[in-house]
Each structure stands twice: as structure tokens, then as C-alpha cells.
N, C-alpha and C. Protein backbone atom coordinates (compact mmCIF):
# COMPACT_ATOMS: atom_id res chain seq x y z
N MET A 1 17.35 -82.54 -10.91
CA MET A 1 16.30 -82.99 -11.82
C MET A 1 16.86 -84.09 -12.72
N ASN A 2 16.08 -85.14 -12.94
CA ASN A 2 16.48 -86.24 -13.81
C ASN A 2 15.45 -86.40 -14.92
N PRO A 3 15.58 -85.63 -16.01
CA PRO A 3 14.59 -85.73 -17.08
C PRO A 3 14.85 -86.92 -17.99
N ILE A 4 13.78 -87.55 -18.45
CA ILE A 4 13.83 -88.59 -19.48
C ILE A 4 12.85 -88.19 -20.57
N ILE A 5 13.33 -88.18 -21.81
CA ILE A 5 12.47 -87.82 -22.93
C ILE A 5 11.89 -89.10 -23.54
N VAL A 6 10.59 -89.10 -23.76
CA VAL A 6 9.92 -90.22 -24.42
C VAL A 6 9.48 -89.75 -25.80
N THR A 7 10.03 -90.40 -26.82
CA THR A 7 9.65 -90.08 -28.19
C THR A 7 9.28 -91.37 -28.91
N GLY A 8 8.82 -91.25 -30.13
CA GLY A 8 8.34 -92.44 -30.84
C GLY A 8 8.85 -92.51 -32.26
N THR A 9 8.62 -93.65 -32.88
CA THR A 9 8.97 -93.82 -34.28
C THR A 9 7.87 -93.31 -35.21
N ASP A 10 6.70 -93.03 -34.65
CA ASP A 10 5.55 -92.62 -35.45
C ASP A 10 4.46 -92.17 -34.48
N THR A 11 3.33 -91.78 -35.00
CA THR A 11 2.20 -91.41 -34.16
C THR A 11 1.30 -92.63 -33.93
N ASP A 12 0.55 -92.60 -32.83
CA ASP A 12 -0.41 -93.67 -32.50
C ASP A 12 0.24 -95.05 -32.39
N ILE A 13 1.38 -95.10 -31.70
CA ILE A 13 2.06 -96.39 -31.51
C ILE A 13 2.10 -96.82 -30.04
N GLY A 14 1.50 -96.02 -29.15
CA GLY A 14 1.50 -96.37 -27.74
C GLY A 14 2.49 -95.56 -26.91
N LYS A 15 3.01 -94.48 -27.48
CA LYS A 15 4.00 -93.66 -26.79
C LYS A 15 3.45 -93.05 -25.51
N THR A 16 2.23 -92.54 -25.56
CA THR A 16 1.66 -91.91 -24.37
C THR A 16 1.39 -92.93 -23.27
N VAL A 17 0.95 -94.12 -23.66
CA VAL A 17 0.72 -95.17 -22.66
C VAL A 17 2.05 -95.56 -22.00
N PHE A 18 3.11 -95.70 -22.81
CA PHE A 18 4.41 -95.99 -22.21
C PHE A 18 4.86 -94.84 -21.31
N ALA A 19 4.68 -93.60 -21.76
CA ALA A 19 5.07 -92.45 -20.95
C ALA A 19 4.33 -92.46 -19.61
N ALA A 20 3.06 -92.85 -19.64
CA ALA A 20 2.28 -92.95 -18.41
C ALA A 20 2.85 -94.05 -17.51
N ALA A 21 3.18 -95.20 -18.10
CA ALA A 21 3.74 -96.30 -17.31
C ALA A 21 5.04 -95.88 -16.65
N LEU A 22 5.89 -95.18 -17.38
CA LEU A 22 7.17 -94.73 -16.84
C LEU A 22 6.96 -93.66 -15.77
N THR A 23 6.04 -92.74 -16.03
CA THR A 23 5.73 -91.70 -15.04
C THR A 23 5.27 -92.33 -13.74
N GLY A 24 4.37 -93.29 -13.83
CA GLY A 24 3.86 -93.95 -12.63
C GLY A 24 4.93 -94.73 -11.90
N ALA A 25 5.76 -95.45 -12.65
CA ALA A 25 6.79 -96.28 -12.02
C ALA A 25 7.83 -95.44 -11.28
N LEU A 26 8.18 -94.29 -11.86
CA LEU A 26 9.19 -93.42 -11.24
C LEU A 26 8.57 -92.40 -10.29
N ARG A 27 7.24 -92.37 -10.23
CA ARG A 27 6.53 -91.31 -9.48
C ARG A 27 7.09 -89.95 -9.90
N ALA A 28 7.16 -89.79 -11.19
CA ALA A 28 7.78 -88.61 -11.79
C ALA A 28 6.72 -87.55 -12.10
N ALA A 29 7.20 -86.34 -12.39
CA ALA A 29 6.36 -85.33 -13.01
C ALA A 29 6.29 -85.64 -14.50
N TYR A 30 5.20 -85.23 -15.13
CA TYR A 30 5.00 -85.46 -16.57
C TYR A 30 4.74 -84.14 -17.26
N TRP A 31 5.40 -83.95 -18.41
CA TRP A 31 5.23 -82.71 -19.17
C TRP A 31 5.19 -83.00 -20.65
N LYS A 32 4.16 -82.54 -21.32
CA LYS A 32 4.07 -82.58 -22.79
C LYS A 32 4.16 -81.14 -23.25
N PRO A 33 5.30 -80.70 -23.78
CA PRO A 33 5.47 -79.28 -24.07
C PRO A 33 4.49 -78.74 -25.10
N VAL A 34 4.18 -79.54 -26.14
CA VAL A 34 3.27 -79.08 -27.19
C VAL A 34 2.22 -80.15 -27.44
N GLN A 35 0.96 -79.76 -27.23
CA GLN A 35 -0.17 -80.66 -27.49
C GLN A 35 -1.02 -80.05 -28.59
N SER A 36 -1.29 -80.82 -29.64
CA SER A 36 -2.19 -80.34 -30.70
C SER A 36 -3.38 -81.29 -30.81
N GLY A 37 -4.48 -80.76 -31.35
CA GLY A 37 -5.69 -81.56 -31.51
C GLY A 37 -6.47 -81.71 -30.22
N LEU A 38 -6.85 -80.61 -29.61
CA LEU A 38 -7.51 -80.66 -28.30
C LEU A 38 -8.87 -81.35 -28.35
N ALA A 39 -9.54 -81.30 -29.49
CA ALA A 39 -10.87 -81.92 -29.59
C ALA A 39 -10.82 -83.43 -29.37
N ASP A 40 -9.67 -84.02 -29.66
CA ASP A 40 -9.52 -85.47 -29.50
C ASP A 40 -9.06 -85.87 -28.10
N GLY A 41 -8.96 -84.88 -27.20
CA GLY A 41 -8.47 -85.15 -25.86
C GLY A 41 -6.97 -84.95 -25.78
N GLU A 42 -6.48 -84.71 -24.58
CA GLU A 42 -5.06 -84.42 -24.39
C GLU A 42 -4.33 -85.64 -23.84
N ASP A 43 -3.08 -85.80 -24.27
CA ASP A 43 -2.26 -86.89 -23.75
C ASP A 43 -2.07 -86.75 -22.25
N ALA A 44 -2.01 -85.53 -21.77
CA ALA A 44 -1.87 -85.29 -20.33
C ALA A 44 -3.04 -85.89 -19.55
N ASP A 45 -4.24 -85.83 -20.12
CA ASP A 45 -5.41 -86.42 -19.45
C ASP A 45 -5.27 -87.94 -19.36
N THR A 46 -4.75 -88.55 -20.43
CA THR A 46 -4.53 -90.01 -20.41
C THR A 46 -3.52 -90.37 -19.35
N VAL A 47 -2.43 -89.61 -19.28
CA VAL A 47 -1.40 -89.88 -18.27
C VAL A 47 -1.96 -89.73 -16.86
N GLU A 48 -2.75 -88.71 -16.63
CA GLU A 48 -3.32 -88.52 -15.30
C GLU A 48 -4.26 -89.68 -14.94
N ARG A 49 -5.05 -90.13 -15.90
CA ARG A 49 -5.98 -91.23 -15.64
C ARG A 49 -5.22 -92.52 -15.32
N LEU A 50 -4.08 -92.72 -15.97
CA LEU A 50 -3.35 -93.98 -15.83
C LEU A 50 -2.29 -93.95 -14.73
N THR A 51 -2.12 -92.80 -14.09
CA THR A 51 -1.10 -92.69 -13.03
C THR A 51 -1.63 -92.09 -11.73
N GLY A 52 -2.68 -91.29 -11.82
CA GLY A 52 -3.13 -90.54 -10.64
C GLY A 52 -2.25 -89.34 -10.35
N ILE A 53 -1.34 -89.01 -11.26
CA ILE A 53 -0.42 -87.88 -11.09
C ILE A 53 -0.89 -86.74 -11.98
N THR A 54 -0.99 -85.54 -11.40
CA THR A 54 -1.41 -84.37 -12.17
C THR A 54 -0.25 -83.87 -13.01
N PRO A 55 -0.36 -83.86 -14.34
CA PRO A 55 0.73 -83.40 -15.19
C PRO A 55 1.00 -81.91 -15.07
N LEU A 56 2.20 -81.51 -15.44
CA LEU A 56 2.51 -80.09 -15.58
C LEU A 56 1.77 -79.55 -16.79
N PRO A 57 1.37 -78.30 -16.78
CA PRO A 57 0.65 -77.75 -17.94
C PRO A 57 1.54 -77.66 -19.17
N SER A 58 0.99 -77.98 -20.32
CA SER A 58 1.74 -77.86 -21.57
C SER A 58 2.09 -76.40 -21.84
N ALA A 59 3.22 -76.20 -22.49
CA ALA A 59 3.59 -74.83 -22.89
C ALA A 59 2.65 -74.31 -23.96
N TYR A 60 2.23 -75.22 -24.86
CA TYR A 60 1.32 -74.84 -25.94
C TYR A 60 0.24 -75.90 -26.09
N ARG A 61 -1.01 -75.45 -26.12
CA ARG A 61 -2.17 -76.32 -26.33
C ARG A 61 -2.85 -75.82 -27.60
N LEU A 62 -2.68 -76.57 -28.69
CA LEU A 62 -3.13 -76.15 -30.00
C LEU A 62 -4.40 -76.90 -30.40
N ILE A 63 -5.33 -76.20 -30.99
CA ILE A 63 -6.64 -76.77 -31.28
C ILE A 63 -6.59 -77.70 -32.49
N THR A 64 -5.90 -77.30 -33.54
CA THR A 64 -5.93 -78.04 -34.80
C THR A 64 -5.21 -79.38 -34.68
N PRO A 65 -5.84 -80.48 -35.14
CA PRO A 65 -5.23 -81.81 -35.01
C PRO A 65 -4.27 -82.13 -36.16
N CYS A 66 -3.07 -81.60 -36.09
CA CYS A 66 -2.04 -81.91 -37.09
C CYS A 66 -0.68 -81.63 -36.47
N SER A 67 0.36 -81.73 -37.26
CA SER A 67 1.71 -81.49 -36.76
C SER A 67 1.78 -80.15 -36.02
N PRO A 68 2.51 -80.10 -34.89
CA PRO A 68 2.54 -78.86 -34.10
C PRO A 68 2.87 -77.60 -34.90
N HIS A 69 3.82 -77.70 -35.83
CA HIS A 69 4.20 -76.49 -36.57
C HIS A 69 3.02 -75.93 -37.36
N ARG A 70 2.26 -76.83 -37.99
CA ARG A 70 1.13 -76.38 -38.81
C ARG A 70 -0.05 -76.00 -37.92
N ALA A 71 -0.26 -76.75 -36.84
CA ALA A 71 -1.34 -76.41 -35.91
C ALA A 71 -1.13 -75.01 -35.35
N ALA A 72 0.10 -74.68 -35.01
CA ALA A 72 0.40 -73.35 -34.48
C ALA A 72 0.12 -72.27 -35.52
N GLU A 73 0.51 -72.53 -36.77
CA GLU A 73 0.26 -71.55 -37.82
C GLU A 73 -1.23 -71.33 -38.03
N ILE A 74 -2.00 -72.42 -38.06
CA ILE A 74 -3.44 -72.31 -38.27
C ILE A 74 -4.10 -71.61 -37.08
N ASP A 75 -3.62 -71.92 -35.87
CA ASP A 75 -4.21 -71.33 -34.66
C ASP A 75 -3.71 -69.91 -34.39
N GLY A 76 -2.74 -69.44 -35.17
CA GLY A 76 -2.20 -68.09 -34.98
C GLY A 76 -1.31 -67.99 -33.76
N VAL A 77 -0.58 -69.05 -33.46
CA VAL A 77 0.29 -69.10 -32.28
C VAL A 77 1.74 -69.13 -32.72
N VAL A 78 2.59 -68.35 -32.05
CA VAL A 78 4.03 -68.36 -32.30
C VAL A 78 4.69 -69.18 -31.20
N ILE A 79 5.38 -70.25 -31.57
CA ILE A 79 6.06 -71.11 -30.59
C ILE A 79 7.44 -70.54 -30.31
N ASP A 80 7.66 -70.17 -29.06
CA ASP A 80 8.87 -69.46 -28.65
C ASP A 80 9.82 -70.40 -27.92
N ASP A 81 11.11 -70.24 -28.15
CA ASP A 81 12.11 -71.09 -27.53
C ASP A 81 12.04 -71.06 -26.01
N ALA A 82 11.83 -69.90 -25.45
CA ALA A 82 11.86 -69.76 -23.99
C ALA A 82 10.82 -70.64 -23.31
N ALA A 83 9.66 -70.81 -23.95
CA ALA A 83 8.59 -71.62 -23.37
C ALA A 83 8.89 -73.11 -23.46
N LEU A 84 9.89 -73.48 -24.26
CA LEU A 84 10.23 -74.89 -24.45
C LEU A 84 11.39 -75.34 -23.58
N ALA A 85 11.84 -74.48 -22.68
CA ALA A 85 12.90 -74.89 -21.74
C ALA A 85 12.34 -75.93 -20.79
N LEU A 86 13.17 -76.93 -20.43
CA LEU A 86 12.72 -77.95 -19.49
C LEU A 86 12.35 -77.33 -18.15
N PRO A 87 11.22 -77.71 -17.57
CA PRO A 87 10.86 -77.21 -16.23
C PRO A 87 11.93 -77.62 -15.21
N GLN A 88 12.24 -76.72 -14.31
CA GLN A 88 13.22 -77.00 -13.26
C GLN A 88 12.50 -77.45 -12.00
N MET A 89 12.87 -78.61 -11.48
CA MET A 89 12.20 -79.17 -10.32
C MET A 89 13.07 -80.23 -9.69
N ASP A 90 12.71 -80.66 -8.51
CA ASP A 90 13.38 -81.77 -7.87
C ASP A 90 12.76 -83.07 -8.36
N GLY A 91 13.56 -84.12 -8.44
CA GLY A 91 13.03 -85.43 -8.78
C GLY A 91 12.98 -85.70 -10.26
N ALA A 92 12.32 -86.80 -10.61
CA ALA A 92 12.28 -87.26 -11.99
C ALA A 92 11.23 -86.50 -12.80
N LEU A 93 11.50 -86.37 -14.09
CA LEU A 93 10.60 -85.69 -15.01
C LEU A 93 10.54 -86.50 -16.30
N VAL A 94 9.34 -86.86 -16.72
CA VAL A 94 9.13 -87.54 -18.01
C VAL A 94 8.55 -86.51 -18.97
N VAL A 95 9.24 -86.34 -20.10
CA VAL A 95 8.82 -85.37 -21.12
C VAL A 95 8.44 -86.13 -22.38
N GLU A 96 7.25 -85.89 -22.88
CA GLU A 96 6.78 -86.60 -24.08
C GLU A 96 6.77 -85.69 -25.30
N GLY A 97 7.40 -86.14 -26.36
CA GLY A 97 7.35 -85.41 -27.62
C GLY A 97 6.03 -85.65 -28.34
N ALA A 98 5.99 -85.24 -29.60
CA ALA A 98 4.77 -85.42 -30.41
C ALA A 98 5.13 -86.22 -31.66
N GLY A 99 4.41 -87.33 -31.89
CA GLY A 99 4.66 -88.12 -33.08
C GLY A 99 6.07 -88.69 -33.10
N GLY A 100 6.74 -88.60 -34.25
CA GLY A 100 8.09 -89.14 -34.40
C GLY A 100 9.16 -88.11 -34.13
N VAL A 101 10.42 -88.53 -34.24
CA VAL A 101 11.54 -87.68 -33.84
C VAL A 101 11.75 -86.50 -34.79
N LEU A 102 11.33 -86.61 -36.04
CA LEU A 102 11.53 -85.52 -37.00
C LEU A 102 10.26 -84.70 -37.25
N VAL A 103 9.31 -84.80 -36.34
CA VAL A 103 8.12 -83.94 -36.43
C VAL A 103 8.55 -82.49 -36.15
N PRO A 104 8.11 -81.54 -36.97
CA PRO A 104 8.49 -80.14 -36.73
C PRO A 104 7.72 -79.52 -35.57
N VAL A 105 8.46 -78.87 -34.69
CA VAL A 105 7.85 -78.02 -33.66
C VAL A 105 7.47 -76.68 -34.31
N ARG A 106 8.43 -76.17 -35.06
CA ARG A 106 8.24 -75.02 -35.95
C ARG A 106 8.89 -75.40 -37.28
N ARG A 107 8.76 -74.55 -38.27
CA ARG A 107 9.37 -74.87 -39.57
C ARG A 107 10.90 -74.89 -39.50
N ASN A 108 11.47 -74.26 -38.47
CA ASN A 108 12.93 -74.26 -38.34
C ASN A 108 13.40 -75.01 -37.09
N LEU A 109 12.55 -75.89 -36.56
CA LEU A 109 12.93 -76.63 -35.35
C LEU A 109 12.19 -77.97 -35.33
N LEU A 110 12.96 -79.07 -35.38
CA LEU A 110 12.39 -80.41 -35.26
C LEU A 110 12.47 -80.87 -33.81
N PHE A 111 11.63 -81.84 -33.44
CA PHE A 111 11.71 -82.36 -32.08
C PHE A 111 13.10 -82.92 -31.78
N ALA A 112 13.72 -83.59 -32.74
CA ALA A 112 15.07 -84.13 -32.51
C ALA A 112 16.06 -83.03 -32.20
N ASP A 113 15.91 -81.86 -32.83
CA ASP A 113 16.78 -80.73 -32.53
C ASP A 113 16.53 -80.21 -31.11
N LEU A 114 15.27 -80.22 -30.71
CA LEU A 114 14.92 -79.80 -29.36
C LEU A 114 15.51 -80.77 -28.33
N PHE A 115 15.43 -82.06 -28.61
CA PHE A 115 16.02 -83.05 -27.71
C PHE A 115 17.53 -82.83 -27.57
N ALA A 116 18.19 -82.48 -28.67
CA ALA A 116 19.63 -82.21 -28.62
C ALA A 116 19.93 -81.01 -27.73
N ARG A 117 19.09 -79.99 -27.78
CA ARG A 117 19.26 -78.83 -26.90
C ARG A 117 19.13 -79.24 -25.43
N TRP A 118 18.16 -80.08 -25.16
CA TRP A 118 17.92 -80.49 -23.77
C TRP A 118 19.03 -81.40 -23.25
N ASN A 119 19.68 -82.15 -24.14
CA ASN A 119 20.77 -83.06 -23.77
C ASN A 119 20.37 -83.99 -22.63
N ALA A 120 19.16 -84.52 -22.74
CA ALA A 120 18.65 -85.48 -21.76
C ALA A 120 18.47 -86.82 -22.46
N PRO A 121 18.55 -87.92 -21.71
CA PRO A 121 18.42 -89.24 -22.34
C PRO A 121 17.03 -89.47 -22.92
N VAL A 122 17.01 -90.15 -24.06
CA VAL A 122 15.76 -90.40 -24.79
C VAL A 122 15.43 -91.89 -24.76
N VAL A 123 14.16 -92.20 -24.52
CA VAL A 123 13.63 -93.53 -24.73
C VAL A 123 12.84 -93.49 -26.03
N LEU A 124 13.22 -94.32 -26.98
CA LEU A 124 12.50 -94.41 -28.24
C LEU A 124 11.45 -95.51 -28.13
N VAL A 125 10.19 -95.16 -28.35
CA VAL A 125 9.10 -96.13 -28.29
C VAL A 125 8.76 -96.57 -29.71
N ALA A 126 8.69 -97.89 -29.91
CA ALA A 126 8.42 -98.43 -31.23
C ALA A 126 7.35 -99.51 -31.14
N ARG A 127 6.51 -99.59 -32.14
CA ARG A 127 5.56 -100.70 -32.21
C ARG A 127 6.31 -101.95 -32.64
N THR A 128 5.68 -103.10 -32.51
CA THR A 128 6.33 -104.35 -32.91
C THR A 128 5.87 -104.86 -34.27
N GLY A 129 4.91 -104.19 -34.88
CA GLY A 129 4.33 -104.66 -36.13
C GLY A 129 5.21 -104.43 -37.35
N LEU A 130 4.70 -104.82 -38.49
CA LEU A 130 5.42 -104.73 -39.77
C LEU A 130 5.85 -103.30 -40.04
N GLY A 131 7.11 -103.15 -40.45
CA GLY A 131 7.65 -101.82 -40.75
C GLY A 131 8.45 -101.22 -39.62
N THR A 132 8.43 -101.86 -38.45
CA THR A 132 9.06 -101.24 -37.29
C THR A 132 10.58 -101.21 -37.40
N ILE A 133 11.19 -102.18 -38.09
CA ILE A 133 12.66 -102.18 -38.19
C ILE A 133 13.13 -100.92 -38.91
N ASN A 134 12.54 -100.64 -40.07
CA ASN A 134 12.93 -99.46 -40.83
C ASN A 134 12.66 -98.17 -40.04
N HIS A 135 11.47 -98.03 -39.49
CA HIS A 135 11.13 -96.80 -38.76
C HIS A 135 12.03 -96.61 -37.55
N SER A 136 12.31 -97.69 -36.85
CA SER A 136 13.13 -97.59 -35.64
C SER A 136 14.57 -97.21 -35.97
N LEU A 137 15.15 -97.88 -36.98
CA LEU A 137 16.54 -97.60 -37.32
C LEU A 137 16.71 -96.19 -37.88
N LEU A 138 15.74 -95.72 -38.65
CA LEU A 138 15.79 -94.34 -39.14
C LEU A 138 15.71 -93.35 -37.98
N SER A 139 14.86 -93.63 -37.01
CA SER A 139 14.72 -92.75 -35.85
C SER A 139 16.00 -92.72 -35.02
N ILE A 140 16.58 -93.90 -34.81
CA ILE A 140 17.84 -93.98 -34.07
C ILE A 140 18.93 -93.18 -34.78
N GLU A 141 19.01 -93.33 -36.10
CA GLU A 141 20.02 -92.60 -36.87
C GLU A 141 19.82 -91.09 -36.77
N ALA A 142 18.56 -90.64 -36.83
CA ALA A 142 18.28 -89.20 -36.74
C ALA A 142 18.69 -88.65 -35.38
N LEU A 143 18.43 -89.41 -34.32
CA LEU A 143 18.81 -88.96 -32.97
C LEU A 143 20.33 -88.95 -32.82
N ARG A 144 20.97 -90.02 -33.27
CA ARG A 144 22.43 -90.14 -33.09
C ARG A 144 23.17 -89.09 -33.90
N THR A 145 22.66 -88.77 -35.09
CA THR A 145 23.28 -87.74 -35.91
C THR A 145 23.34 -86.40 -35.19
N ARG A 146 22.37 -86.15 -34.34
CA ARG A 146 22.29 -84.89 -33.61
C ARG A 146 22.95 -84.97 -32.22
N GLY A 147 23.53 -86.11 -31.91
CA GLY A 147 24.19 -86.26 -30.62
C GLY A 147 23.25 -86.44 -29.46
N VAL A 148 22.03 -86.88 -29.73
CA VAL A 148 21.05 -87.09 -28.66
C VAL A 148 21.36 -88.41 -27.95
N PRO A 149 21.52 -88.40 -26.63
CA PRO A 149 21.79 -89.65 -25.91
C PRO A 149 20.56 -90.55 -25.90
N ILE A 150 20.73 -91.80 -26.30
CA ILE A 150 19.61 -92.75 -26.38
C ILE A 150 19.73 -93.72 -25.21
N LEU A 151 18.77 -93.66 -24.30
CA LEU A 151 18.75 -94.57 -23.16
C LEU A 151 18.44 -96.00 -23.61
N GLY A 152 17.57 -96.14 -24.59
CA GLY A 152 17.22 -97.45 -25.10
C GLY A 152 15.91 -97.39 -25.86
N ILE A 153 15.45 -98.57 -26.28
CA ILE A 153 14.21 -98.66 -27.04
C ILE A 153 13.21 -99.50 -26.27
N ALA A 154 11.97 -99.03 -26.24
CA ALA A 154 10.87 -99.73 -25.59
C ALA A 154 9.83 -100.08 -26.65
N PHE A 155 9.43 -101.34 -26.69
CA PHE A 155 8.47 -101.78 -27.68
C PHE A 155 7.06 -101.82 -27.08
N VAL A 156 6.07 -101.65 -27.95
CA VAL A 156 4.67 -101.75 -27.56
C VAL A 156 3.97 -102.66 -28.55
N GLY A 157 3.30 -103.70 -28.04
CA GLY A 157 2.56 -104.59 -28.91
C GLY A 157 2.84 -106.05 -28.62
N ASP A 158 2.43 -106.91 -29.55
CA ASP A 158 2.66 -108.34 -29.40
C ASP A 158 4.15 -108.66 -29.56
N SER A 159 4.57 -109.74 -28.93
CA SER A 159 5.97 -110.13 -28.97
C SER A 159 6.42 -110.47 -30.39
N GLU A 160 7.52 -109.86 -30.83
CA GLU A 160 8.15 -110.15 -32.12
C GLU A 160 9.66 -110.21 -31.86
N PRO A 161 10.13 -111.31 -31.28
CA PRO A 161 11.52 -111.38 -30.81
C PRO A 161 12.57 -111.06 -31.86
N ASP A 162 12.39 -111.55 -33.09
CA ASP A 162 13.42 -111.30 -34.09
C ASP A 162 13.51 -109.82 -34.45
N SER A 163 12.36 -109.19 -34.67
CA SER A 163 12.36 -107.76 -35.00
C SER A 163 12.97 -106.93 -33.87
N GLU A 164 12.59 -107.25 -32.64
CA GLU A 164 13.10 -106.51 -31.49
C GLU A 164 14.62 -106.67 -31.36
N THR A 165 15.10 -107.90 -31.51
CA THR A 165 16.54 -108.15 -31.41
C THR A 165 17.29 -107.50 -32.57
N THR A 166 16.73 -107.58 -33.76
CA THR A 166 17.38 -106.99 -34.93
C THR A 166 17.57 -105.48 -34.76
N ILE A 167 16.53 -104.80 -34.29
CA ILE A 167 16.61 -103.35 -34.09
C ILE A 167 17.67 -103.02 -33.05
N ALA A 168 17.66 -103.73 -31.94
CA ALA A 168 18.61 -103.46 -30.86
C ALA A 168 20.05 -103.70 -31.32
N GLU A 169 20.26 -104.78 -32.09
CA GLU A 169 21.62 -105.11 -32.52
C GLU A 169 22.13 -104.16 -33.60
N ILE A 170 21.34 -103.95 -34.64
CA ILE A 170 21.79 -103.07 -35.72
C ILE A 170 21.86 -101.61 -35.24
N GLY A 171 20.88 -101.21 -34.44
CA GLY A 171 20.86 -99.84 -33.94
C GLY A 171 21.81 -99.58 -32.79
N ARG A 172 22.39 -100.66 -32.22
CA ARG A 172 23.31 -100.54 -31.08
C ARG A 172 22.66 -99.77 -29.92
N VAL A 173 21.45 -100.22 -29.59
CA VAL A 173 20.73 -99.62 -28.47
C VAL A 173 20.26 -100.73 -27.52
N LYS A 174 20.01 -100.36 -26.30
CA LYS A 174 19.52 -101.31 -25.31
C LYS A 174 18.04 -101.56 -25.51
N ARG A 175 17.65 -102.83 -25.52
CA ARG A 175 16.23 -103.18 -25.52
C ARG A 175 15.75 -103.11 -24.08
N LEU A 176 14.91 -102.14 -23.78
CA LEU A 176 14.47 -101.90 -22.40
C LEU A 176 13.34 -102.84 -21.99
N GLY A 177 12.55 -103.27 -22.96
CA GLY A 177 11.41 -104.14 -22.64
C GLY A 177 10.30 -103.93 -23.64
N ARG A 178 9.21 -104.64 -23.39
CA ARG A 178 8.05 -104.54 -24.29
C ARG A 178 6.78 -104.46 -23.46
N LEU A 179 5.98 -103.46 -23.76
CA LEU A 179 4.70 -103.28 -23.10
C LEU A 179 3.62 -103.96 -23.94
N PRO A 180 2.95 -104.98 -23.41
CA PRO A 180 1.90 -105.65 -24.20
C PRO A 180 0.66 -104.77 -24.31
N MET A 181 -0.18 -105.08 -25.27
CA MET A 181 -1.46 -104.40 -25.38
C MET A 181 -2.34 -104.83 -24.21
N LEU A 182 -2.97 -103.89 -23.56
CA LEU A 182 -3.74 -104.17 -22.35
C LEU A 182 -5.23 -103.88 -22.58
N ASP A 183 -6.05 -104.83 -22.20
CA ASP A 183 -7.50 -104.66 -22.30
C ASP A 183 -8.16 -105.36 -21.10
N PRO A 184 -8.65 -104.59 -20.14
CA PRO A 184 -8.78 -103.13 -20.16
C PRO A 184 -7.46 -102.44 -19.79
N LEU A 185 -7.33 -101.22 -20.26
CA LEU A 185 -6.16 -100.39 -19.94
C LEU A 185 -6.51 -99.56 -18.71
N THR A 186 -6.00 -99.98 -17.57
CA THR A 186 -6.27 -99.29 -16.31
C THR A 186 -4.96 -98.95 -15.61
N LEU A 187 -5.08 -98.12 -14.59
CA LEU A 187 -3.90 -97.73 -13.82
C LEU A 187 -3.20 -98.96 -13.24
N ASP A 188 -3.95 -99.84 -12.61
CA ASP A 188 -3.34 -101.03 -11.99
C ASP A 188 -2.76 -101.98 -13.01
N ALA A 189 -3.47 -102.20 -14.12
CA ALA A 189 -2.98 -103.11 -15.15
C ALA A 189 -1.70 -102.59 -15.78
N LEU A 190 -1.63 -101.28 -16.00
CA LEU A 190 -0.44 -100.69 -16.60
C LEU A 190 0.75 -100.77 -15.65
N ALA A 191 0.51 -100.50 -14.39
CA ALA A 191 1.60 -100.57 -13.41
C ALA A 191 2.15 -101.99 -13.31
N ARG A 192 1.26 -102.99 -13.32
CA ARG A 192 1.72 -104.39 -13.27
C ARG A 192 2.51 -104.76 -14.52
N ALA A 193 2.02 -104.31 -15.67
CA ALA A 193 2.69 -104.64 -16.92
C ALA A 193 4.10 -104.04 -16.97
N PHE A 194 4.24 -102.82 -16.50
CA PHE A 194 5.57 -102.21 -16.49
C PHE A 194 6.51 -102.97 -15.56
N THR A 195 6.02 -103.32 -14.39
CA THR A 195 6.84 -104.07 -13.43
C THR A 195 7.24 -105.43 -14.00
N ASP A 196 6.34 -106.07 -14.72
CA ASP A 196 6.60 -107.40 -15.27
C ASP A 196 7.56 -107.39 -16.45
N HIS A 197 7.58 -106.29 -17.21
CA HIS A 197 8.30 -106.29 -18.49
C HIS A 197 9.48 -105.33 -18.56
N PHE A 198 9.67 -104.52 -17.54
CA PHE A 198 10.77 -103.55 -17.53
C PHE A 198 11.49 -103.59 -16.19
N ASP A 199 12.74 -103.14 -16.19
CA ASP A 199 13.53 -102.99 -14.96
C ASP A 199 13.63 -101.51 -14.66
N LYS A 200 13.02 -101.10 -13.57
CA LYS A 200 12.99 -99.68 -13.24
C LYS A 200 14.40 -99.10 -13.11
N ALA A 201 15.35 -99.94 -12.73
CA ALA A 201 16.74 -99.47 -12.56
C ALA A 201 17.33 -98.95 -13.88
N ASP A 202 16.80 -99.39 -15.02
CA ASP A 202 17.30 -98.91 -16.32
C ASP A 202 16.98 -97.45 -16.56
N PHE A 203 16.07 -96.90 -15.78
CA PHE A 203 15.61 -95.53 -16.00
C PHE A 203 16.10 -94.57 -14.93
N ARG A 204 16.99 -95.03 -14.08
CA ARG A 204 17.53 -94.17 -13.03
C ARG A 204 18.75 -93.42 -13.53
């Protein structure tokens, strides 16, 4: 099994779209261990629509649209370590976290801590807009402090060469590429964009 963890610097920055692009490019399995806010739709549904690949079922599907730790408390769900073990399978696996790297899974477990347990390479997804340097470098520091291996950083949005280069240089991480905003966002358009802007060999 070759798992790759996809996490972000914040919520609503294009992390799920990038995870879908990577899943499609690698013809990988996709797993989102904890999904909250079911009324707004599931990230797994977006990935399936943009890849044609049926995702693995989430370990926890929480109704309340907020941080997983609080959603679980409100929904009366206890998040157990055993259910958060990486699925065992042949081939590639893309695992998507929730929000940023320090989002709590439980009050005593952050996603960054979970990534450290898994000891799998992480792709950090960052937007290119204002504020991304600070958010990205803080996220890189939080991952590195915990010994999480960072495969590189993937940007989403309009081209901002100086910000992208600054983050990669100061953070000492590989710039994997940048996914432009796509309209319409379709399976074919996303696959072409990934091929045009990323090297699949970086994810092997």
C-alpha cells in the first residue's frame, strides 16, 4: 500500500478538488476518515463525481457542520482510535484530512498527531491568495514538529509566483505544482489540469 495524506492550510481552499485530481491521476482508492456536515454534501461525493472512482466509506459521518471533535460531541459519537487505522489494500491510497493540520479529531487528538501515527507522506494544499505565506509556514512547522514527512506543497488558485517560491524556500518543501481554478469543474477538465501542472512521478 502506498498512502498519501492530503491536508490543507485551512478549510475551503480546494483541498478536496486537489485530492480528487490526485486520486484520478494515480487511479488510487480515496478515503476521508471523518466527514462532518452531511447536509452540505460529502467530500467523497465530490471525489466520485470528479474521478469516477467509488470512495471507501468514511469511518465517521457526522451530521453537524463544524470541527469533527465538536460535531462528534453534538452528535453523541465517540471517535475511536481503531476506526482511524489506515485501510489495508493493494495499490495507492489518497487520504483526506479535514480543514487544517491542527483541526481536532477529538479533544485529545489533532489531525497532525494522527498523520504522525500513520507515518505516511503528506501533501499540504494551500491557496495562493493573501495570507497564504503565514498559513502555509505555520502548517509546515506544525507537521515538521511532529515528525510528519512532507512530500511537498500543492497550490490552488491564480498564479502568485513570489508567494509560492517564498513558501517553498522558507519552508524547505518541494513545490509540487499549482491547480488553477476551473470553470466548469468536470472530470475531464480536472484530469487535464493535473497533467498540465503536476508531475505524477512526484507522487510515486
